[in-house]
Amino acid sequence: MPVDCPELKHWYASCRAILDGSDTPCAALPQKSANCRARATCWKALAAGVSGPLAVAQGLAVECAAELPADTCEALTRAVGAQSPASCPTTPGISAWCRALSTADPAPCAGAKDCTQIAARLQVLARGGLKLCREQCTGEDVISAAAALHDPHACDALKAAIAAHACD
């Protein structure tokens, strides 16, 4: 499987932004800067003790503000933060994400990877917070949880992968 260097750099910048408590690493990305800031916002909020749904809503607000009409973005973030699927916007494509995230149930995601991963993360966070997520979440969420827990080595594997694949 080929290595996606821009994706590795994106995850590394997100990890550094979470660990450093600064959006500066995200600003250096030519693409996906809003997604990087959204991830960092969410995980920094979790580190500060904000509940999973409210933290996800804060992250969504950063990203969707750049991609969706203001009223749709506001309805989405409000419904997710309040865990109120009845308040979800009816916008095609957004409605299912909103229902999944406002209920922490991946079923409405219909297999969409990011949606499924966030809904599953919310389930783990509800059961045991960041420490349990670091142990039981999947993929990049494990690294993000480690960074949110202030593990100084959280981003090392990503940095090593970038160097090993000559992504610089």
C-alpha atoms as a PDB file:
ATOM      1  CA  MET A   1       0.000   0.000   0.000  1.00  0.00           C
ATOM      2  CA  PRO A   2       1.555   3.343  -1.014  1.00  0.00           C
ATOM      3  CA  VAL A   3       2.291   5.899   1.670  1.00  0.00           C
ATOM      4  CA  ASP A   4       0.226   9.076   1.568  1.00  0.00           C
ATOM      5  CA  CYS A   5       2.794  11.687   2.600  1.00  0.00           C
ATOM      6  CA  PRO A   6       0.341  14.624   2.708  1.00  0.00           C
ATOM      7  CA  GLU A   7      -1.927  12.566   4.974  1.00  0.00           C
ATOM      8  CA  LEU A   8       0.976  11.654   7.283  1.00  0.00           C
ATOM      9  CA  LYS A   9       1.946  15.310   7.502  1.00  0.00           C
ATOM     10  CA  HIS A  10      -1.664  16.245   8.249  1.00  0.00           C
ATOM     11  CA  TRP A  11      -1.854  13.770  11.154  1.00  0.00           C
ATOM     12  CA  TYR A  12       1.528  14.883  12.473  1.00  0.00           C
ATOM     13  CA  ALA A  13       0.487  18.555  12.374  1.00  0.00           C
ATOM     14  CA  SER A  14      -2.782  17.665  14.129  1.00  0.00           C
ATOM     15  CA  CYS A  15      -0.890  15.730  16.794  1.00  0.00           C
ATOM     16  CA  ARG A  16       1.565  18.588  17.372  1.00  0.00           C
ATOM     17  CA  ALA A  17      -1.295  21.103  17.566  1.00  0.00           C
ATOM     18  CA  ILE A  18      -2.990  18.990  20.246  1.00  0.00           C
ATOM     19  CA  LEU A  19       0.219  18.363  22.180  1.00  0.00           C
ATOM     20  CA  ASP A  20       1.469  21.959  21.935  1.00  0.00           C
ATOM     21  CA  GLY A  21      -1.946  23.530  22.560  1.00  0.00           C
ATOM     22  CA  SER A  22      -1.459  25.725  19.485  1.00  0.00           C
ATOM     23  CA  ASP A  23      -2.930  25.829  15.982  1.00  0.00           C
ATOM     24  CA  THR A  24       0.432  26.921  14.543  1.00  0.00           C
ATOM     25  CA  PRO A  25       1.317  23.451  13.151  1.00  0.00           C
ATOM     26  CA  CYS A  26      -2.016  23.423  11.274  1.00  0.00           C
ATOM     27  CA  ALA A  27      -1.315  26.779   9.634  1.00  0.00           C
ATOM     28  CA  ALA A  28       1.682  25.281   7.845  1.00  0.00           C
ATOM     29  CA  LEU A  29      -0.486  22.791   5.961  1.00  0.00           C
ATOM     30  CA  PRO A  30      -1.242  23.701   2.342  1.00  0.00           C
ATOM     31  CA  GLN A  31      -4.472  21.636   2.484  1.00  0.00           C
ATOM     32  CA  LYS A  32      -6.753  20.423   5.259  1.00  0.00           C
ATOM     33  CA  SER A  33      -5.785  23.254   7.580  1.00  0.00           C
ATOM     34  CA  ALA A  34      -9.402  23.615   8.774  1.00  0.00           C
ATOM     35  CA  ASN A  35      -9.622  19.864   9.436  1.00  0.00           C
ATOM     36  CA  CYS A  36      -6.376  19.988  11.413  1.00  0.00           C
ATOM     37  CA  ARG A  37      -7.643  22.930  13.489  1.00  0.00           C
ATOM     38  CA  ALA A  38     -10.963  21.128  14.027  1.00  0.00           C
ATOM     39  CA  ARG A  39      -9.226  17.977  15.323  1.00  0.00           C
ATOM     40  CA  ALA A  40      -6.954  20.032  17.558  1.00  0.00           C
ATOM     41  CA  THR A  41      -9.917  22.029  18.908  1.00  0.00           C
ATOM     42  CA  CYS A  42     -11.836  18.860  19.742  1.00  0.00           C
ATOM     43  CA  TRP A  43      -8.947  17.064  21.436  1.00  0.00           C
ATOM     44  CA  LYS A  44      -7.775  20.156  23.336  1.00  0.00           C
ATOM     45  CA  ALA A  45     -11.342  20.554  24.639  1.00  0.00           C
ATOM     46  CA  LEU A  46     -11.350  16.901  25.744  1.00  0.00           C
ATOM     47  CA  ALA A  47      -8.038  17.474  27.527  1.00  0.00           C
ATOM     48  CA  ALA A  48      -9.627  20.425  29.331  1.00  0.00           C
ATOM     49  CA  GLY A  49     -12.435  18.184  30.599  1.00  0.00           C
ATOM     50  CA  VAL A  50     -15.166  19.110  28.113  1.00  0.00           C
ATOM     51  CA  SER A  51     -17.598  16.251  27.442  1.00  0.00           C
ATOM     52  CA  GLY A  52     -17.203  14.216  24.244  1.00  0.00           C
ATOM     53  CA  PRO A  53     -20.295  15.572  22.461  1.00  0.00           C
ATOM     54  CA  LEU A  54     -19.473  19.198  23.312  1.00  0.00           C
ATOM     55  CA  ALA A  55     -15.829  18.742  22.295  1.00  0.00           C
ATOM     56  CA  VAL A  56     -16.854  17.193  18.968  1.00  0.00           C
ATOM     57  CA  ALA A  57     -19.312  20.056  18.443  1.00  0.00           C
ATOM     58  CA  GLN A  58     -16.516  22.580  19.039  1.00  0.00           C
ATOM     59  CA  GLY A  59     -14.337  20.810  16.484  1.00  0.00           C
ATOM     60  CA  LEU A  60     -17.194  20.589  13.982  1.00  0.00           C
ATOM     61  CA  ALA A  61     -17.829  24.318  14.347  1.00  0.00           C
ATOM     62  CA  VAL A  62     -14.271  25.057  13.195  1.00  0.00           C
ATOM     63  CA  GLU A  63     -14.431  22.840  10.128  1.00  0.00           C
ATOM     64  CA  CYS A  64     -18.018  23.258   9.015  1.00  0.00           C
ATOM     65  CA  ALA A  65     -17.799  27.056   9.194  1.00  0.00           C
ATOM     66  CA  ALA A  66     -15.484  26.842   6.180  1.00  0.00           C
ATOM     67  CA  GLU A  67     -17.572  24.299   4.294  1.00  0.00           C
ATOM     68  CA  LEU A  68     -21.286  24.694   5.056  1.00  0.00           C
ATOM     69  CA  PRO A  69     -23.875  27.460   5.125  1.00  0.00           C
ATOM     70  CA  ALA A  70     -23.883  29.147   8.531  1.00  0.00           C
ATOM     71  CA  ASP A  71     -27.387  27.985   9.496  1.00  0.00           C
ATOM     72  CA  THR A  72     -26.568  24.338   8.663  1.00  0.00           C
ATOM     73  CA  CYS A  73     -23.282  24.495  10.554  1.00  0.00           C
ATOM     74  CA  GLU A  74     -24.954  26.054  13.578  1.00  0.00           C
ATOM     75  CA  ALA A  75     -27.775  23.482  13.611  1.00  0.00           C
ATOM     76  CA  LEU A  76     -25.272  20.623  13.255  1.00  0.00           C
ATOM     77  CA  THR A  77     -23.010  21.760  16.075  1.00  0.00           C
ATOM     78  CA  ARG A  78     -25.939  22.583  18.359  1.00  0.00           C
ATOM     79  CA  ALA A  79     -27.589  19.164  17.811  1.00  0.00           C
ATOM     80  CA  VAL A  80     -24.340  17.239  18.349  1.00  0.00           C
ATOM     81  CA  GLY A  81     -23.380  19.236  21.443  1.00  0.00           C
ATOM     82  CA  ALA A  82     -26.835  18.797  22.973  1.00  0.00           C
ATOM     83  CA  GLN A  83     -27.045  15.140  21.915  1.00  0.00           C
ATOM     84  CA  SER A  84     -30.346  15.981  20.238  1.00  0.00           C
ATOM     85  CA  PRO A  85     -30.876  14.065  16.972  1.00  0.00           C
ATOM     86  CA  ALA A  86     -34.335  15.648  16.628  1.00  0.00           C
ATOM     87  CA  SER A  87     -32.569  18.999  16.168  1.00  0.00           C
ATOM     88  CA  CYS A  88     -30.359  17.799  13.294  1.00  0.00           C
ATOM     89  CA  PRO A  89     -30.539  19.698  10.011  1.00  0.00           C
ATOM     90  CA  THR A  90     -32.241  17.867   7.156  1.00  0.00           C
ATOM     91  CA  THR A  91     -29.465  18.708   4.702  1.00  0.00           C
ATOM     92  CA  PRO A  92     -28.636  15.624   2.600  1.00  0.00           C
ATOM     93  CA  GLY A  93     -25.305  14.139   3.655  1.00  0.00           C
ATOM     94  CA  ILE A  94     -25.237  16.158   6.868  1.00  0.00           C
ATOM     95  CA  SER A  95     -28.355  14.689   8.428  1.00  0.00           C
ATOM     96  CA  ALA A  96     -26.920  11.169   8.821  1.00  0.00           C
ATOM     97  CA  TRP A  97     -23.653  12.473  10.284  1.00  0.00           C
ATOM     98  CA  CYS A  98     -25.600  14.593  12.736  1.00  0.00           C
ATOM     99  CA  ARG A  99     -27.809  11.708  13.853  1.00  0.00           C
ATOM    100  CA  ALA A 100     -24.762   9.459  14.283  1.00  0.00           C
ATOM    101  CA  LEU A 101     -22.760  11.986  16.276  1.00  0.00           C
ATOM    102  CA  SER A 102     -25.640  13.262  18.391  1.00  0.00           C
ATOM    103  CA  THR A 103     -26.408   9.681  19.486  1.00  0.00           C
ATOM    104  CA  ALA A 104     -22.861   8.233  19.428  1.00  0.00           C
ATOM    105  CA  ASP A 105     -24.247   5.521  17.138  1.00  0.00           C
ATOM    106  CA  PRO A 106     -22.287   4.678  13.972  1.00  0.00           C
ATOM    107  CA  ALA A 107     -25.319   3.030  12.285  1.00  0.00           C
ATOM    108  CA  PRO A 108     -26.554   6.195  10.503  1.00  0.00           C
ATOM    109  CA  CYS A 109     -23.032   6.693   9.076  1.00  0.00           C
ATOM    110  CA  ALA A 110     -23.771   4.001   6.454  1.00  0.00           C
ATOM    111  CA  GLY A 111     -20.105   2.992   6.441  1.00  0.00           C
ATOM    112  CA  ALA A 112     -18.618   6.487   6.043  1.00  0.00           C
ATOM    113  CA  LYS A 113     -15.197   6.011   7.695  1.00  0.00           C
ATOM    114  CA  ASP A 114     -14.792   9.400   9.418  1.00  0.00           C
ATOM    115  CA  CYS A 115     -18.373   9.423  10.702  1.00  0.00           C
ATOM    116  CA  THR A 116     -18.090   5.855  12.013  1.00  0.00           C
ATOM    117  CA  GLN A 117     -14.768   6.606  13.709  1.00  0.00           C
ATOM    118  CA  ILE A 118     -16.078   9.728  15.472  1.00  0.00           C
ATOM    119  CA  ALA A 119     -19.272   7.982  16.642  1.00  0.00           C
ATOM    120  CA  ALA A 120     -17.214   5.052  17.964  1.00  0.00           C
ATOM    121  CA  ARG A 121     -14.851   7.505  19.686  1.00  0.00           C
ATOM    122  CA  LEU A 122     -17.805   9.138  21.421  1.00  0.00           C
ATOM    123  CA  GLN A 123     -18.896   5.743  22.758  1.00  0.00           C
ATOM    124  CA  VAL A 124     -15.446   5.057  24.221  1.00  0.00           C
ATOM    125  CA  LEU A 125     -15.137   8.573  25.658  1.00  0.00           C
ATOM    126  CA  ALA A 126     -18.519   8.196  27.357  1.00  0.00           C
ATOM    127  CA  ARG A 127     -17.364   4.973  29.015  1.00  0.00           C
ATOM    128  CA  GLY A 128     -13.934   6.088  30.198  1.00  0.00           C
ATOM    129  CA  GLY A 129     -12.656   9.379  28.828  1.00  0.00           C
ATOM    130  CA  LEU A 130      -9.289  10.024  27.238  1.00  0.00           C
ATOM    131  CA  LYS A 131      -7.426   7.266  29.082  1.00  0.00           C
ATOM    132  CA  LEU A 132      -9.794   4.594  27.810  1.00  0.00           C
ATOM    133  CA  CYS A 133      -9.717   6.112  24.324  1.00  0.00           C
ATOM    134  CA  ARG A 134      -5.946   5.846  24.321  1.00  0.00           C
ATOM    135  CA  GLU A 135      -6.372   2.128  24.995  1.00  0.00           C
ATOM    136  CA  GLN A 136      -9.468   1.286  22.937  1.00  0.00           C
ATOM    137  CA  CYS A 137      -9.972   3.856  20.200  1.00  0.00           C
ATOM    138  CA  THR A 138      -8.634   3.138  16.734  1.00  0.00           C
ATOM    139  CA  GLY A 139      -6.247   4.712  14.258  1.00  0.00           C
ATOM    140  CA  GLU A 140      -5.285   8.308  14.720  1.00  0.00           C
ATOM    141  CA  ASP A 141      -7.590   8.658  17.729  1.00  0.00           C
ATOM    142  CA  VAL A 142      -5.101   6.658  19.836  1.00  0.00           C
ATOM    143  CA  ILE A 143      -2.352   9.129  18.937  1.00  0.00           C
ATOM    144  CA  SER A 144      -4.653  12.107  19.465  1.00  0.00           C
ATOM    145  CA  ALA A 145      -5.718  10.800  22.886  1.00  0.00           C
ATOM    146  CA  ALA A 146      -2.066  10.364  23.862  1.00  0.00           C
ATOM    147  CA  ALA A 147      -1.336  13.942  22.775  1.00  0.00           C
ATOM    148  CA  ALA A 148      -4.362  15.229  24.698  1.00  0.00           C
ATOM    149  CA  LEU A 149      -3.029  13.389  27.756  1.00  0.00           C
ATOM    150  CA  HIS A 150       0.241  15.321  27.300  1.00  0.00           C
ATOM    151  CA  ASP A 151       2.358  12.284  26.396  1.00  0.00           C
ATOM    152  CA  PRO A 152       5.551  13.936  25.074  1.00  0.00           C
ATOM    153  CA  HIS A 153       6.111  10.974  22.721  1.00  0.00           C
ATOM    154  CA  ALA A 154       2.596  10.930  21.264  1.00  0.00           C
ATOM    155  CA  CYS A 155       3.675  12.205  17.845  1.00  0.00           C
ATOM    156  CA  ASP A 156       6.971  10.303  17.567  1.00  0.00           C
ATOM    157  CA  ALA A 157       5.626   7.438  15.427  1.00  0.00           C
ATOM    158  CA  LEU A 158       4.171   9.878  12.904  1.00  0.00           C
ATOM    159  CA  LYS A 159       7.416  11.860  12.752  1.00  0.00           C
ATOM    160  CA  ALA A 160       9.368   8.621  12.235  1.00  0.00           C
ATOM    161  CA  ALA A 161       7.008   7.511   9.458  1.00  0.00           C
ATOM    162  CA  ILE A 162       7.446  10.844   7.677  1.00  0.00           C
ATOM    163  CA  ALA A 163      11.246  10.478   7.872  1.00  0.00           C
ATOM    164  CA  ALA A 164      11.196   6.788   6.875  1.00  0.00           C
ATOM    165  CA  HIS A 165       9.168   7.525   3.744  1.00  0.00           C
ATOM    166  CA  ALA A 166      11.136  10.658   2.829  1.00  0.00           C
ATOM    167  CA  CYS A 167       8.009  12.793   3.030  1.00  0.00           C
ATOM    168  CA  ASP A 168       9.915  15.971   3.891  1.00  0.00           C
END
